[in-house]
């Protein structure tokens, strides 16, 4: 009774807690809403507005987020965190595009590519997709890029990397430093526009700001990246602590992993592109095939081909030119056999998996490098095939039966799946303890006197020689 009397007290003229709860329960009973619990707070606020008025806290002006904020953070019943003015300013620039700056290449049509991946349950939000697309258009305009493609998102422990791939003139590539006096084991990087440096890459944490161009990759970085496994932090200047030591900071490690992922997972529909046989250079440039038709069986591995050649053990897709032999020296050994671009994905290495009892894949056949599945099969003319990489989790490729659309994307941590736990290289053996110092035997008195006599005689001879020297 005491509690009923307490809640019946009017907090404002004609309004009490008991009356408010009674009316709230009455409205919930009338609505018979299945989501009554979820809407309880919002309905309570509506009733307060009609009788008491909106709470002062709820009516307060939204607070601004810090200058580096990029996401809204609603707080129910209180102030709403909104993007700050600097973020609005940077985002607005994405919409300041002239019509002639929009490229016609299919590589830039990100909003039309992402729905293909949605069938497989992967992709980005529509808002993020569109802001990235606008940034791609701006980068194409600012740097006069020949083609632009969204490579994907590489996840980090602190921040993620958005990665944009672009074809640019050779002078726009950021070339890595070359040692002044390279040793015999030095392998030069591939020239801009060729091999693993066919494209240049731009990375940022947000589509609205802070885009940085990465240097071209070096064979040394690719080889070193194969022997380690590190999560990215999101800081390009962060050191890479590992063994064996990595030759560079996180920016170099990121570029090396991008090169490995691109070579293994960027795929095209078979027959979409071909080599330009009219050119005598090697490797021959890849051009569009005007007679291309979408393959009938999109689930077959023969319907997909790689955009790059295989990465060799030396960290390149091609062997460096042989140095001219010098007289008296042995001729350089033959390089590794090269695998050209546009090779079928059916030849990719399988994923080696082991069961708990040590048997290879539990006695079952090895898992293939790719898993391909068709979607929207109820409408054969509009079906979509999505290929998932089992070697690089997070890599996907898609082909649409209609519209001549295809795309590749990577959304993951940048680690390869070898089918077994990663085993780091063992450190070198610890140096053994030094040998104990052996003390010399004590000399006899006669031997000691003889030694001192020899020293005195040597000193006398030296002093006499100095005194007999002629004066200048």
Protein backbone atom coordinates (compact mmCIF):
# COMPACT_ATOMS: atom_id res chain seq x y z
CA UNK A 1 0.00 0.00 0.00
CA UNK A 2 2.83 2.38 0.84
CA UNK A 3 4.43 1.78 -2.56
CA UNK A 4 1.11 2.32 -4.37
CA UNK A 5 0.63 5.62 -2.56
CA UNK A 6 4.21 6.65 -3.35
CA UNK A 7 3.86 6.02 -7.09
CA UNK A 8 0.45 7.73 -7.14
CA UNK A 9 2.03 11.06 -6.18
CA UNK A 10 1.93 13.61 -8.99
CA UNK A 11 5.38 14.47 -10.32
CA UNK A 12 3.74 17.19 -12.42
CA UNK A 13 0.12 18.40 -12.50
CA UNK A 14 -2.06 15.47 -13.57
CA UNK A 15 0.88 13.09 -14.09
CA UNK A 16 2.12 10.29 -11.81
CA UNK A 17 4.30 7.22 -12.24
CA UNK A 18 1.29 4.95 -11.65
CA UNK A 19 -0.81 6.74 -14.28
CA UNK A 20 2.04 6.61 -16.77
CA UNK A 21 2.63 2.85 -16.27
CA UNK A 22 -1.10 2.14 -16.44
CA UNK A 23 -1.47 3.96 -19.76
CA UNK A 24 1.69 2.34 -21.10
CA UNK A 25 0.44 -1.19 -20.32
CA UNK A 26 -2.96 -0.32 -21.79
CA UNK A 27 -1.39 0.74 -25.09
CA UNK A 28 0.72 -2.41 -25.24
CA UNK A 29 -2.36 -4.57 -24.72
CA UNK A 30 -4.24 -2.76 -27.48
CA UNK A 31 -1.38 -3.01 -29.96
CA UNK A 32 -0.74 -6.75 -29.34
CA UNK A 33 2.68 -6.21 -30.88
CA UNK A 34 5.05 -9.21 -30.90
CA UNK A 35 7.96 -6.80 -30.38
CA UNK A 36 6.39 -5.11 -27.36
CA UNK A 37 9.53 -5.49 -25.27
CA UNK A 38 11.69 -3.88 -27.93
CA UNK A 39 9.30 -0.94 -28.30
CA UNK A 40 8.69 -0.43 -24.59
CA UNK A 41 11.12 2.47 -24.18
CA UNK A 42 10.10 4.29 -27.35
CA UNK A 43 6.40 4.05 -26.44
CA UNK A 44 7.16 5.34 -22.95
CA UNK A 45 8.95 8.36 -24.42
CA UNK A 46 6.00 9.09 -26.70
CA UNK A 47 3.65 9.13 -23.72
CA UNK A 48 5.99 11.46 -21.82
CA UNK A 49 6.06 13.89 -24.73
CA UNK A 50 2.26 14.13 -24.77
CA UNK A 51 1.95 14.88 -21.05
CA UNK A 52 5.27 15.81 -19.56
CA UNK A 53 7.23 17.00 -22.59
CA UNK A 54 10.46 15.69 -24.02
CA UNK A 55 13.26 15.15 -21.51
CA UNK A 56 15.82 17.90 -21.48
CA UNK A 57 18.61 15.40 -22.09
CA UNK A 58 16.85 13.99 -25.13
CA UNK A 59 16.17 17.49 -26.46
CA UNK A 60 19.80 18.55 -26.03
CA UNK A 61 21.79 19.44 -29.12
CA UNK A 62 23.74 16.45 -30.47
CA UNK A 63 27.33 16.36 -29.35
CA UNK A 64 30.07 16.43 -31.97
CA UNK A 65 32.46 13.52 -32.20
CA UNK A 66 36.22 14.05 -32.16
CA UNK A 67 37.91 15.35 -35.30
CA UNK A 68 38.94 11.86 -36.41
CA UNK A 69 35.48 10.32 -35.91
CA UNK A 70 33.83 8.69 -38.88
CA UNK A 71 30.86 6.79 -37.46
CA UNK A 72 27.65 7.82 -35.77
CA UNK A 73 26.98 6.44 -32.30
CA UNK A 74 23.31 6.81 -31.28
CA UNK A 75 22.53 6.79 -27.59
CA UNK A 76 18.86 6.04 -26.87
CA UNK A 77 17.19 8.58 -24.65
CA UNK A 78 20.26 10.84 -24.65
CA UNK A 79 22.50 12.90 -26.84
CA UNK A 80 23.37 11.44 -30.23
CA UNK A 81 26.99 11.35 -31.33
CA UNK A 82 27.29 12.66 -34.89
CA UNK A 83 30.21 13.02 -37.32
CA UNK A 84 32.28 16.14 -36.82
CA UNK A 85 32.64 19.03 -39.25
CA UNK A 86 36.07 17.92 -40.60
CA UNK A 87 34.71 14.48 -41.44
CA UNK A 88 31.70 16.06 -43.20
CA UNK A 89 34.08 18.27 -45.18
CA UNK A 90 36.22 15.34 -46.31
CA UNK A 91 33.18 13.24 -47.19
CA UNK A 92 31.60 16.06 -49.19
CA UNK A 93 34.66 16.17 -51.45
CA UNK A 94 33.81 12.65 -52.62
CA UNK A 95 30.68 14.01 -54.31
CA UNK A 96 32.47 16.89 -56.09
CA UNK A 97 33.03 15.00 -59.33
CA UNK A 98 32.80 16.29 -62.87
CA UNK A 99 30.89 14.06 -65.31
CA UNK A 100 33.91 13.60 -67.59
CA UNK A 101 35.99 12.27 -64.69
CA UNK A 102 33.91 9.08 -64.41
CA UNK A 103 35.79 6.24 -66.13
CA UNK A 104 33.93 3.85 -68.39
CA UNK A 105 36.03 0.83 -67.43
CA UNK A 106 34.18 -2.00 -65.73
CA UNK A 107 36.93 -2.06 -63.11
CA UNK A 108 35.44 1.01 -61.45
CA UNK A 109 31.84 -0.20 -61.26
CA UNK A 110 31.98 -1.35 -57.64
CA UNK A 111 28.26 -0.79 -56.82
CA UNK A 112 27.25 -3.15 -59.63
CA UNK A 113 29.85 -5.77 -58.66
CA UNK A 114 29.08 -6.11 -54.94
CA UNK A 115 25.55 -7.57 -55.39
CA UNK A 116 27.16 -10.63 -57.00
CA UNK A 117 29.06 -11.36 -53.77
CA UNK A 118 25.94 -10.85 -51.65
CA UNK A 119 24.66 -14.21 -52.92
CA UNK A 120 27.55 -15.84 -51.06
CA UNK A 121 27.04 -13.72 -47.95
CA UNK A 122 30.17 -11.59 -48.34
CA UNK A 123 30.70 -7.93 -49.08
CA UNK A 124 30.45 -4.47 -47.58
CA UNK A 125 27.54 -2.27 -46.62
CA UNK A 126 25.99 -0.23 -49.43
CA UNK A 127 27.06 2.99 -47.75
CA UNK A 128 30.70 1.92 -47.51
CA UNK A 129 30.62 0.51 -51.03
CA UNK A 130 29.43 3.80 -52.49
CA UNK A 131 31.91 5.95 -50.57
CA UNK A 132 34.77 3.69 -51.72
CA UNK A 133 33.48 3.94 -55.28
CA UNK A 134 33.50 7.74 -55.08
CA UNK A 135 37.06 7.67 -53.77
CA UNK A 136 38.06 5.42 -56.68
CA UNK A 137 36.69 7.99 -59.10
CA UNK A 138 38.59 10.78 -57.36
CA UNK A 139 41.86 8.85 -57.37
CA UNK A 140 41.40 8.16 -61.07
CA UNK A 141 40.96 11.86 -61.71
CA UNK A 142 43.75 13.12 -59.43
CA UNK A 143 46.46 10.69 -60.59
CA UNK A 144 45.30 10.15 -64.20
CA UNK A 145 45.00 6.41 -63.55
CA UNK A 146 44.26 4.14 -66.49
CA UNK A 147 42.03 1.74 -64.54
CA UNK A 148 40.86 1.44 -60.95
CA UNK A 149 39.60 -1.56 -58.99
CA UNK A 150 38.69 -2.14 -55.36
CA UNK A 151 41.06 -4.86 -54.19
CA UNK A 152 39.43 -5.43 -50.80
CA UNK A 153 39.79 -4.89 -47.08
CA UNK A 154 42.63 -6.34 -45.00
CA UNK A 155 41.73 -6.58 -41.33
CA UNK A 156 44.05 -5.43 -38.55
CA UNK A 157 44.21 -5.59 -34.78
CA UNK A 158 43.73 -1.83 -34.35
CA UNK A 159 42.54 -0.56 -37.73
CA UNK A 160 41.71 -2.09 -41.10
CA UNK A 161 43.14 -1.31 -44.53
CA UNK A 162 40.95 -0.46 -47.50
CA UNK A 163 42.96 -1.30 -50.62
CA UNK A 164 42.47 0.16 -54.10
CA UNK A 165 44.31 -1.30 -57.08
CA UNK A 166 45.17 0.95 -60.03
CA UNK A 167 46.95 0.73 -63.35
CA UNK A 168 49.16 3.78 -63.73
CA UNK A 169 51.98 5.02 -65.97
CA UNK A 170 55.43 3.85 -64.90
CA UNK A 171 56.43 7.31 -63.67
CA UNK A 172 53.61 7.27 -61.07
CA UNK A 173 54.85 4.08 -59.41
CA UNK A 174 56.77 4.50 -56.15
CA UNK A 175 59.97 2.58 -56.75
CA UNK A 176 61.68 0.87 -53.80
CA UNK A 177 65.23 1.76 -52.82
CA UNK A 178 67.99 -0.17 -54.59
CA UNK A 179 71.22 -1.03 -52.71
CA UNK A 180 74.29 0.86 -53.92
CA UNK A 181 76.45 -2.25 -54.03
CA UNK A 182 74.16 -5.28 -54.36
CA UNK A 183 75.68 -8.68 -53.66
CA UNK A 184 75.41 -11.72 -55.91
CA UNK A 185 72.25 -12.94 -54.18
CA UNK A 186 70.37 -9.68 -54.88
CA UNK A 187 67.25 -10.13 -57.01
CA UNK A 188 66.00 -6.92 -58.68
CA UNK A 189 62.29 -6.06 -58.44
CA UNK A 190 60.07 -6.35 -61.48
CA UNK A 191 59.74 -3.17 -63.51
CA UNK A 192 56.68 -0.93 -62.95
CA UNK A 193 53.74 -2.21 -64.95
CA UNK A 194 55.00 -5.81 -65.09
CA UNK A 195 54.69 -8.95 -62.96
CA UNK A 196 53.83 -8.31 -59.32
CA UNK A 197 54.23 -4.57 -59.99
CA UNK A 198 51.66 -4.48 -62.78
CA UNK A 199 49.48 -2.29 -60.57
CA UNK A 200 50.11 0.24 -57.84
CA UNK A 201 48.09 0.21 -54.63
CA UNK A 202 46.52 2.87 -52.44
CA UNK A 203 45.48 2.13 -48.83
CA UNK A 204 43.52 3.98 -46.14
CA UNK A 205 41.53 3.33 -42.98
CA UNK A 206 38.52 5.31 -44.20
CA UNK A 207 37.26 6.01 -47.70
CA UNK A 208 36.92 9.70 -46.88
CA UNK A 209 40.54 10.50 -46.02
CA UNK A 210 44.14 9.48 -45.53
CA UNK A 211 44.98 7.53 -48.71
CA UNK A 212 48.63 6.50 -49.10
CA UNK A 213 50.33 4.93 -52.09
CA UNK A 214 52.46 1.87 -51.37
CA UNK A 215 55.88 1.30 -52.88
CA UNK A 216 56.32 -1.40 -55.50
CA UNK A 217 57.06 -4.79 -54.01
CA UNK A 218 60.54 -6.30 -53.88
CA UNK A 219 61.40 -10.00 -54.26
CA UNK A 220 63.17 -9.86 -50.89
CA UNK A 221 59.93 -8.78 -49.16
CA UNK A 222 57.87 -11.49 -50.90
CA UNK A 223 60.32 -14.24 -49.91
CA UNK A 224 60.48 -12.97 -46.32
CA UNK A 225 56.67 -12.72 -46.08
CA UNK A 226 56.36 -16.41 -46.95
CA UNK A 227 58.33 -17.40 -43.88
CA UNK A 228 56.37 -15.41 -41.28
CA UNK A 229 52.79 -14.87 -40.18
CA UNK A 230 51.90 -11.59 -38.51
CA UNK A 231 48.62 -9.80 -37.92
CA UNK A 232 48.50 -6.27 -39.28
CA UNK A 233 48.16 -3.46 -36.76
CA UNK A 234 46.79 -0.81 -39.12
CA UNK A 235 49.89 1.39 -38.82
CA UNK A 236 52.02 1.53 -41.97
CA UNK A 237 55.04 2.69 -39.97
CA UNK A 238 54.82 -0.09 -37.37
CA UNK A 239 57.88 -2.36 -37.14
CA UNK A 240 57.44 -6.03 -38.02
CA UNK A 241 58.86 -8.01 -35.10
CA UNK A 242 59.51 -11.56 -36.24
CA UNK A 243 62.09 -14.20 -37.00
CA UNK A 244 63.48 -14.39 -39.62
CA UNK A 245 63.69 -10.60 -39.65
CA UNK A 246 61.49 -8.85 -42.20
CA UNK A 247 63.25 -6.24 -44.39
CA UNK A 248 60.99 -3.26 -43.80
CA UNK A 249 58.03 -1.91 -41.89
CA UNK A 250 54.37 -2.90 -42.02
CA UNK A 251 53.86 -1.00 -45.30
CA UNK A 252 56.33 -3.34 -47.03
CA UNK A 253 54.78 -6.42 -45.41
CA UNK A 254 51.31 -5.27 -46.49
CA UNK A 255 52.47 -4.75 -50.08
CA UNK A 256 54.12 -8.18 -50.15
CA UNK A 257 50.96 -9.91 -48.93
CA UNK A 258 48.84 -7.98 -51.45
CA UNK A 259 51.15 -9.23 -54.21
CA UNK A 260 50.84 -12.85 -53.03
CA UNK A 261 47.05 -12.63 -52.67
CA UNK A 262 46.61 -10.99 -56.07
CA UNK A 263 48.76 -13.57 -57.84
CA UNK A 264 46.84 -16.46 -56.26
CA UNK A 265 43.24 -15.21 -56.19
CA UNK A 266 42.55 -12.55 -58.86
CA UNK A 267 40.84 -14.60 -61.57
CA UNK A 268 38.96 -13.92 -64.81
CA UNK A 269 36.36 -15.85 -66.80
CA UNK A 270 38.07 -18.18 -69.25
CA UNK A 271 38.22 -16.60 -72.71
CA UNK A 272 37.51 -13.07 -71.51
CA UNK A 273 41.10 -11.97 -72.15
CA UNK A 274 43.93 -13.15 -74.35
CA UNK A 275 47.52 -12.33 -75.23
CA UNK A 276 48.31 -9.76 -77.88
CA UNK A 277 50.15 -11.97 -80.37
CA UNK A 278 51.04 -9.00 -82.58
CA UNK A 279 53.53 -7.75 -79.99
CA UNK A 280 56.98 -9.33 -79.89
CA UNK A 281 57.78 -8.36 -76.31
CA UNK A 282 57.82 -10.93 -73.51
CA UNK A 283 55.59 -11.33 -71.59
CA UNK A 284 52.93 -10.37 -74.09
CA UNK A 285 50.31 -7.83 -72.93
CA UNK A 286 46.80 -9.03 -72.10
CA UNK A 287 43.92 -7.60 -74.16
CA UNK A 288 40.13 -8.03 -74.32
CA UNK A 289 38.74 -10.81 -76.47
CA UNK A 290 35.98 -9.34 -78.69
CA UNK A 291 34.53 -12.82 -79.31
CA UNK A 292 34.14 -13.64 -75.61
CA UNK A 293 31.09 -15.57 -74.44
CA UNK A 294 30.29 -16.49 -70.85
CA UNK A 295 31.24 -20.15 -70.20
CA UNK A 296 28.29 -22.53 -70.00
CA UNK A 297 29.43 -24.39 -66.88
CA UNK A 298 30.56 -21.76 -64.39
CA UNK A 299 31.18 -24.36 -61.67
CA UNK A 300 33.97 -26.00 -63.69
CA UNK A 301 37.52 -24.99 -62.85
CA UNK A 302 38.18 -24.67 -66.60
CA UNK A 303 35.89 -21.61 -66.64
CA UNK A 304 38.30 -19.55 -64.51
CA UNK A 305 41.86 -18.37 -65.21
CA UNK A 306 44.47 -16.46 -63.22
CA UNK A 307 45.22 -12.82 -64.00
CA UNK A 308 48.88 -13.21 -62.95
CA UNK A 309 51.61 -15.73 -63.45
CA UNK A 310 52.73 -17.93 -60.57
CA UNK A 311 55.08 -16.36 -58.01
CA UNK A 312 58.47 -18.07 -58.25
CA UNK A 313 60.64 -19.02 -55.29
CA UNK A 314 62.76 -15.91 -55.88
CA UNK A 315 59.76 -13.60 -55.25
CA UNK A 316 59.02 -12.66 -58.88
CA UNK A 317 56.66 -13.97 -61.57
CA UNK A 318 59.51 -13.92 -64.12
CA UNK A 319 63.19 -14.73 -63.88
CA UNK A 320 65.52 -11.71 -63.95
CA UNK A 321 67.70 -11.30 -67.05
CA UNK A 322 70.88 -13.35 -66.94
CA UNK A 323 74.08 -11.35 -66.38
CA UNK A 324 76.73 -11.63 -69.06
CA UNK A 325 79.26 -14.30 -68.10
CA UNK A 326 82.71 -13.10 -67.03
CA UNK A 327 85.83 -14.96 -68.09
CA UNK A 328 86.89 -17.47 -65.51
CA UNK A 329 83.51 -17.53 -63.75
CA UNK A 330 80.80 -20.15 -64.04
CA UNK A 331 77.69 -19.33 -66.04
CA UNK A 332 74.61 -18.42 -63.99
CA UNK A 333 72.28 -21.41 -63.40
CA UNK A 334 69.00 -21.72 -65.26
CA UNK A 335 66.05 -19.98 -63.60
CA UNK A 336 62.88 -21.61 -62.33
CA UNK A 337 60.25 -22.56 -64.90
CA UNK A 338 57.80 -19.68 -65.32
CA UNK A 339 54.01 -20.03 -65.31
CA UNK A 340 52.34 -17.39 -67.51
CA UNK A 341 49.12 -15.54 -66.75
CA UNK A 342 45.69 -16.85 -67.85
CA UNK A 343 46.46 -20.34 -66.56
CA UNK A 344 43.51 -22.46 -65.46
CA UNK A 345 42.78 -22.52 -61.71
CA UNK A 346 42.36 -26.29 -61.84
CA UNK A 347 46.15 -26.62 -61.69
CA UNK A 348 46.38 -24.77 -58.36
CA UNK A 349 47.90 -26.60 -55.42
CA UNK A 350 45.48 -28.34 -53.08
CA UNK A 351 45.14 -27.51 -49.41
CA UNK A 352 47.10 -30.05 -47.35
CA UNK A 353 45.04 -31.01 -44.31
CA UNK A 354 45.82 -33.59 -41.66
CA UNK A 355 43.55 -35.37 -39.22
CA UNK A 356 44.26 -35.86 -35.53
CA UNK A 357 45.66 -39.35 -36.09
CA UNK A 358 48.25 -37.97 -38.50
CA UNK A 359 46.69 -39.36 -41.68
CA UNK A 360 46.63 -37.13 -44.72
CA UNK A 361 43.26 -35.37 -44.67
CA UNK A 362 41.79 -38.23 -42.66
CA UNK A 363 42.19 -40.56 -45.63
CA UNK A 364 40.00 -38.34 -47.83
CA UNK A 365 41.10 -36.54 -50.98
CA UNK A 366 42.83 -33.22 -50.40
CA UNK A 367 40.69 -30.08 -50.32
CA UNK A 368 40.86 -28.23 -53.63
CA UNK A 369 42.21 -24.72 -53.92
CA UNK A 370 38.77 -23.38 -54.89
CA UNK A 371 35.16 -24.08 -54.00
CA UNK A 372 32.73 -22.90 -56.69
CA UNK A 373 28.99 -22.61 -56.23
CA UNK A 374 26.16 -21.24 -58.37
CA UNK A 375 23.39 -19.00 -57.03
CA UNK A 376 20.04 -17.84 -58.38
CA UNK A 377 19.80 -21.07 -60.37
CA UNK A 378 16.02 -20.73 -60.61
CA UNK A 379 16.69 -18.21 -63.38
CA UNK A 380 19.51 -19.77 -65.47
CA UNK A 381 19.97 -16.66 -67.60
CA UNK A 382 20.69 -14.60 -64.47
CA UNK A 383 22.62 -17.04 -62.31
CA UNK A 384 25.82 -16.02 -60.56
CA UNK A 385 28.82 -18.23 -59.80
CA UNK A 386 31.04 -17.42 -56.82
CA UNK A 387 34.45 -19.04 -56.34
CA UNK A 388 35.87 -19.13 -52.81
CA UNK A 389 39.60 -19.58 -52.31
CA UNK A 390 40.53 -22.25 -49.77
CA UNK A 391 44.22 -21.31 -49.88
CA UNK A 392 43.57 -17.65 -49.05
CA UNK A 393 40.47 -17.44 -46.81
CA UNK A 394 38.61 -14.23 -47.58
CA UNK A 395 39.29 -14.23 -51.33
CA UNK A 396 36.27 -14.50 -53.63
CA UNK A 397 35.62 -14.18 -57.34
CA UNK A 398 32.27 -13.92 -59.11
CA UNK A 399 30.92 -14.25 -62.64
CA UNK A 400 27.40 -13.23 -63.69
CA UNK A 401 25.80 -15.19 -66.51
CA UNK A 402 24.22 -12.01 -67.85
CA UNK A 403 25.63 -8.53 -68.21
CA UNK A 404 29.24 -9.60 -68.84
CA UNK A 405 30.18 -8.87 -65.22
CA UNK A 406 32.96 -10.43 -63.18
CA UNK A 407 34.96 -9.34 -60.14
CA UNK A 408 37.43 -10.44 -57.48
CA UNK A 409 37.60 -9.23 -53.89
CA UNK A 410 39.53 -9.99 -50.73
CA UNK A 411 38.15 -9.51 -47.20
CA UNK A 412 40.39 -11.11 -44.61
CA UNK A 413 43.48 -11.00 -42.42
CA UNK A 414 46.03 -11.51 -45.19
CA UNK A 415 47.09 -15.04 -44.15
CA UNK A 416 47.44 -18.13 -46.28
CA UNK A 417 45.89 -21.47 -45.30
CA UNK A 418 48.46 -24.24 -45.61
CA UNK A 419 46.13 -26.84 -44.18
CA UNK A 420 48.16 -27.21 -41.01
CA UNK A 421 49.20 -24.98 -38.10
CA UNK A 422 51.86 -22.45 -38.98
CA UNK A 423 55.29 -23.45 -37.72
CA UNK A 424 57.78 -20.59 -37.53
CA UNK A 425 61.34 -21.16 -38.59
CA UNK A 426 63.53 -22.33 -35.72
CA UNK A 427 66.05 -19.84 -34.42
CA UNK A 428 69.75 -20.70 -34.80
CA UNK A 429 71.30 -22.87 -32.07
CA UNK A 430 72.51 -21.11 -28.95
CA UNK A 431 76.28 -20.63 -28.90
CA UNK A 432 78.07 -23.08 -26.59
CA UNK A 433 79.80 -21.86 -23.47
CA UNK A 434 83.40 -20.76 -23.91
CA UNK A 435 86.19 -23.07 -22.77
CA UNK A 436 87.59 -22.58 -19.32
CA UNK A 437 90.73 -20.47 -19.13
CA UNK A 438 93.78 -22.61 -18.50
CA UNK A 439 96.35 -21.03 -16.19
CA UNK A 440 99.98 -21.18 -17.25
CA UNK A 441 102.31 -23.22 -15.09
CA UNK A 442 104.47 -21.22 -12.67
CA UNK A 443 107.94 -20.66 -14.17
CA UNK A 444 111.05 -21.78 -12.30
CA UNK A 445 113.26 -19.10 -10.74
CA UNK A 446 116.15 -19.73 -13.14
CA UNK A 447 113.88 -19.50 -16.19
CA UNK A 448 112.33 -16.30 -14.87
CA UNK A 449 115.77 -14.69 -14.30
CA UNK A 450 116.87 -15.69 -17.80
CA UNK A 451 113.78 -14.04 -19.30
CA UNK A 452 114.36 -10.81 -17.36
CA UNK A 453 118.00 -10.80 -18.51
CA UNK A 454 116.91 -11.08 -22.14
CA UNK A 455 114.54 -8.15 -21.72
CA UNK A 456 117.26 -5.96 -20.18
CA UNK A 457 119.71 -6.81 -22.96
CA UNK A 458 117.11 -5.92 -25.59
CA UNK A 459 116.50 -2.55 -23.93
CA UNK A 460 120.27 -1.80 -23.87
CA UNK A 461 120.66 -2.63 -27.54
CA UNK A 462 117.72 -0.36 -28.41
CA UNK A 463 119.07 2.57 -26.38
CA UNK A 464 122.59 2.22 -27.88
CA UNK A 465 121.14 2.17 -31.38
CA UNK A 466 119.21 5.38 -30.68
CA UNK A 467 122.32 7.14 -29.31
CA UNK A 468 124.48 6.24 -32.34
CA UNK A 469 121.95 7.63 -34.82
CA UNK A 470 123.33 10.68 -36.78
CA UNK A 471 121.85 14.09 -35.96
CA UNK A 472 119.77 15.77 -38.65
